[in-house]
C-alpha atoms as a PDB file:
ATOM      1  CA  MET A   1     -28.827 -17.772  24.729  1.00  0.00           C
ATOM      2  CA  LYS A   2     -26.350 -20.013  23.033  1.00  0.00           C
ATOM      3  CA  MET A   3     -24.697 -18.772  19.771  1.00  0.00           C
ATOM      4  CA  SER A   4     -22.128 -20.493  17.742  1.00  0.00           C
ATOM      5  CA  PHE A   5     -18.821 -18.863  16.962  1.00  0.00           C
ATOM      6  CA  LEU A   6     -19.637 -18.060  13.300  1.00  0.00           C
ATOM      7  CA  ASP A   7     -23.303 -17.480  13.465  1.00  0.00           C
ATOM      8  CA  ASN A   8     -24.423 -14.819  10.899  1.00  0.00           C
ATOM      9  CA  ASP A   9     -20.711 -14.496   9.738  1.00  0.00           C
ATOM     10  CA  ILE A  10     -19.940 -12.432  12.846  1.00  0.00           C
ATOM     11  CA  ARG A  11     -16.817 -13.561  14.589  1.00  0.00           C
ATOM     12  CA  CYS A  12     -17.698 -12.841  18.176  1.00  0.00           C
ATOM     13  CA  ILE A  13     -18.613 -14.870  21.081  1.00  0.00           C
ATOM     14  CA  PHE A  14     -21.839 -14.128  22.815  1.00  0.00           C
ATOM     15  CA  ALA A  15     -22.257 -15.459  26.423  1.00  0.00           C
ATOM     16  CA  PRO A  16     -25.466 -15.373  28.467  1.00  0.00           C
ATOM     17  CA  GLN A  17     -25.323 -12.602  31.022  1.00  0.00           C
ATOM     18  CA  ASN A  18     -23.859 -13.402  34.402  1.00  0.00           C
ATOM     19  CA  SER A  19     -22.702 -16.792  33.227  1.00  0.00           C
ATOM     20  CA  TYR A  20     -19.245 -16.396  34.673  1.00  0.00           C
ATOM     21  CA  SER A  21     -17.665 -14.797  37.605  1.00  0.00           C
ATOM     22  CA  ASN A  22     -14.393 -12.820  38.144  1.00  0.00           C
ATOM     23  CA  ASN A  23     -14.041 -14.767  41.506  1.00  0.00           C
ATOM     24  CA  LEU A  24     -13.507 -18.146  40.013  1.00  0.00           C
ATOM     25  CA  ILE A  25     -11.875 -20.688  42.251  1.00  0.00           C
ATOM     26  CA  ILE A  26      -9.802 -22.997  40.375  1.00  0.00           C
ATOM     27  CA  ASP A  27      -7.860 -25.703  42.539  1.00  0.00           C
ATOM     28  CA  LYS A  28      -5.251 -26.909  40.033  1.00  0.00           C
ATOM     29  CA  ASP A  29      -2.882 -25.883  37.431  1.00  0.00           C
ATOM     30  CA  MET A  30      -4.630 -25.547  34.038  1.00  0.00           C
ATOM     31  CA  THR A  31      -3.784 -26.853  30.714  1.00  0.00           C
ATOM     32  CA  LYS A  32      -5.138 -25.590  27.399  1.00  0.00           C
ATOM     33  CA  ALA A  33      -7.520 -28.284  27.342  1.00  0.00           C
ATOM     34  CA  ASP A  34      -8.774 -27.427  30.908  1.00  0.00           C
ATOM     35  CA  LEU A  35      -9.087 -23.753  29.940  1.00  0.00           C
ATOM     36  CA  VAL A  36     -11.287 -24.889  26.865  1.00  0.00           C
ATOM     37  CA  ASN A  37     -13.576 -26.985  29.117  1.00  0.00           C
ATOM     38  CA  ASP A  38     -13.968 -24.328  31.725  1.00  0.00           C
ATOM     39  CA  ILE A  39     -14.746 -21.585  29.276  1.00  0.00           C
ATOM     40  CA  ALA A  40     -17.241 -23.871  27.457  1.00  0.00           C
ATOM     41  CA  GLU A  41     -18.894 -24.689  30.805  1.00  0.00           C
ATOM     42  CA  GLN A  42     -19.076 -21.074  31.916  1.00  0.00           C
ATOM     43  CA  THR A  43     -20.369 -19.554  28.836  1.00  0.00           C
ATOM     44  CA  GLY A  44     -22.367 -22.384  27.167  1.00  0.00           C
ATOM     45  CA  ILE A  45     -20.301 -22.039  23.947  1.00  0.00           C
ATOM     46  CA  GLU A  46     -19.510 -25.269  22.096  1.00  0.00           C
ATOM     47  CA  LYS A  47     -16.006 -26.531  23.021  1.00  0.00           C
ATOM     48  CA  ALA A  48     -14.900 -26.739  19.500  1.00  0.00           C
ATOM     49  CA  ASP A  49     -15.683 -22.815  19.123  1.00  0.00           C
ATOM     50  CA  VAL A  50     -13.746 -22.062  22.381  1.00  0.00           C
ATOM     51  CA  GLN A  51     -10.858 -24.088  20.953  1.00  0.00           C
ATOM     52  CA  THR A  52     -10.794 -22.128  17.724  1.00  0.00           C
ATOM     53  CA  THR A  53     -11.048 -18.757  19.549  1.00  0.00           C
ATOM     54  CA  ILE A  54      -8.164 -19.692  21.942  1.00  0.00           C
ATOM     55  CA  GLU A  55      -5.993 -20.922  19.130  1.00  0.00           C
ATOM     56  CA  ALA A  56      -6.750 -17.645  17.122  1.00  0.00           C
ATOM     57  CA  PHE A  57      -5.842 -15.620  20.151  1.00  0.00           C
ATOM     58  CA  MET A  58      -2.640 -17.287  20.538  1.00  0.00           C
ATOM     59  CA  GLN A  59      -1.737 -17.165  16.929  1.00  0.00           C
ATOM     60  CA  ASN A  60      -2.456 -13.443  16.787  1.00  0.00           C
ATOM     61  CA  VAL A  61      -0.412 -12.658  19.917  1.00  0.00           C
ATOM     62  CA  LYS A  62       2.557 -14.761  18.546  1.00  0.00           C
ATOM     63  CA  GLY A  63       2.058 -13.224  15.173  1.00  0.00           C
ATOM     64  CA  SER A  64       2.082  -9.671  16.639  1.00  0.00           C
ATOM     65  CA  LEU A  65       5.213 -10.302  18.697  1.00  0.00           C
ATOM     66  CA  GLU A  66       7.103 -11.916  15.721  1.00  0.00           C
ATOM     67  CA  SER A  67       6.259  -8.841  13.754  1.00  0.00           C
ATOM     68  CA  GLY A  68       7.805  -6.545  16.458  1.00  0.00           C
ATOM     69  CA  ASN A  69       4.532  -5.345  17.972  1.00  0.00           C
ATOM     70  CA  ASN A  70       3.481  -5.675  21.472  1.00  0.00           C
ATOM     71  CA  VAL A  71      -0.116  -6.755  22.542  1.00  0.00           C
ATOM     72  CA  TYR A  72      -1.894  -4.791  25.349  1.00  0.00           C
ATOM     73  CA  LEU A  73      -4.869  -6.270  27.191  1.00  0.00           C
ATOM     74  CA  ARG A  74      -6.192  -3.641  29.551  1.00  0.00           C
ATOM     75  CA  GLY A  75      -6.820  -5.035  33.049  1.00  0.00           C
ATOM     76  CA  PHE A  76      -5.122  -8.290  32.242  1.00  0.00           C
ATOM     77  CA  GLY A  77      -1.521  -7.490  30.971  1.00  0.00           C
ATOM     78  CA  SER A  78       0.785  -6.987  28.207  1.00  0.00           C
ATOM     79  CA  PHE A  79       2.717  -9.255  25.843  1.00  0.00           C
ATOM     80  CA  VAL A  80       5.789  -7.422  25.168  1.00  0.00           C
ATOM     81  CA  ILE A  81       9.276  -7.907  23.435  1.00  0.00           C
ATOM     82  CA  LYS A  82      12.088  -7.456  25.734  1.00  0.00           C
ATOM     83  CA  GLU A  83      15.541  -6.778  24.478  1.00  0.00           C
ATOM     84  CA  ARG A  84      18.487  -8.683  26.036  1.00  0.00           C
ATOM     85  CA  ALA A  85      21.782  -7.029  25.782  1.00  0.00           C
ATOM     86  CA  LYS A  86      24.981  -8.707  24.501  1.00  0.00           C
ATOM     87  CA  LYS A  87      26.840 -10.564  27.393  1.00  0.00           C
ATOM     88  CA  THR A  88      29.726 -13.052  28.060  1.00  0.00           C
ATOM     89  CA  GLY A  89      28.795 -16.466  29.234  1.00  0.00           C
ATOM     90  CA  ARG A  90      30.754 -19.540  30.233  1.00  0.00           C
ATOM     91  CA  ASN A  91      30.709 -23.005  28.813  1.00  0.00           C
ATOM     92  CA  ILE A  92      31.472 -24.975  32.046  1.00  0.00           C
ATOM     93  CA  LEU A  93      32.146 -28.183  30.179  1.00  0.00           C
ATOM     94  CA  LYS A  94      34.942 -26.791  28.085  1.00  0.00           C
ATOM     95  CA  ASN A  95      35.910 -23.989  30.559  1.00  0.00           C
ATOM     96  CA  THR A  96      35.657 -21.299  27.909  1.00  0.00           C
ATOM     97  CA  THR A  97      33.886 -18.033  27.702  1.00  0.00           C
ATOM     98  CA  ILE A  98      31.357 -17.450  24.953  1.00  0.00           C
ATOM     99  CA  GLU A  99      29.748 -14.314  23.519  1.00  0.00           C
ATOM    100  CA  ILE A 100      26.024 -14.327  23.800  1.00  0.00           C
ATOM    101  CA  PRO A 101      24.618 -11.939  21.273  1.00  0.00           C
ATOM    102  CA  ALA A 102      21.945  -9.295  21.889  1.00  0.00           C
ATOM    103  CA  HIS A 103      18.522 -10.753  21.236  1.00  0.00           C
ATOM    104  CA  ASN A 104      14.711 -10.270  21.816  1.00  0.00           C
ATOM    105  CA  ILE A 105      12.489 -12.560  23.900  1.00  0.00           C
ATOM    106  CA  PRO A 106       8.721 -12.569  24.525  1.00  0.00           C
ATOM    107  CA  SER A 107       7.512 -11.692  27.745  1.00  0.00           C
ATOM    108  CA  PHE A 108       4.378 -11.086  29.861  1.00  0.00           C
ATOM    109  CA  LYS A 109       3.858  -8.144  31.953  1.00  0.00           C
ATOM    110  CA  PRO A 110       0.748  -8.525  34.163  1.00  0.00           C
ATOM    111  CA  ALA A 111      -1.493  -5.359  34.770  1.00  0.00           C
ATOM    112  CA  LYS A 112      -1.403  -3.838  38.093  1.00  0.00           C
ATOM    113  CA  THR A 113      -4.955  -5.024  39.102  1.00  0.00           C
ATOM    114  CA  PHE A 114      -4.117  -8.502  38.071  1.00  0.00           C
ATOM    115  CA  VAL A 115      -0.867  -8.452  40.337  1.00  0.00           C
ATOM    116  CA  GLU A 116      -2.906  -7.056  43.176  1.00  0.00           C
ATOM    117  CA  GLY A 117      -5.574  -9.698  42.879  1.00  0.00           C
ATOM    118  CA  VAL A 118      -2.920 -12.507  42.949  1.00  0.00           C
ATOM    119  CA  LYS A 119      -1.174 -10.849  45.826  1.00  0.00           C
ATOM    120  CA  SER A 120      -4.361 -10.700  47.819  1.00  0.00           C
ATOM    121  CA  LYS A 121      -5.563 -14.090  47.132  1.00  0.00           C
ATOM    122  CA  VAL A 122      -2.587 -16.505  46.899  1.00  0.00           C
ATOM    123  CA  LYS A 123      -0.658 -17.423  49.935  1.00  0.00           C
ATOM    124  CA  VAL A 124       3.164 -17.272  49.998  1.00  0.00           C
ATOM    125  CA  ASN A 125       4.797 -20.786  49.711  1.00  0.00           C
ATOM    126  CA  GLY A 126       1.572 -22.388  48.746  1.00  0.00           C
ATOM    127  CA  LYS A 127      -1.422 -22.555  46.485  1.00  0.00           C
END
């Protein structure tokens, strides 16, 4: 069963049952294009619809963090805002100290199950 991203004005993705696995083996670093291709192949959804979904996901995460809100994805991880305290740094070219003001940065904190899965499957000092 293959449905388009916007069929019947429902903004959902319907993938065939058992069309993908939690035990995927990916033997290379991935770009966004690779991710789109792999998801489209695994689910049977058109690449354009997968691209739109991934873009919307990233824009929503970015917008939430820019608004000061965290994003929690159970079993995957959390996109959170971390506060960095004010500190003193050095400009080594001018040999002077500089004041770095307090600021917020976006961060990703993986879920415990995600961390455990990576620890059990990825070798130390290698891929």
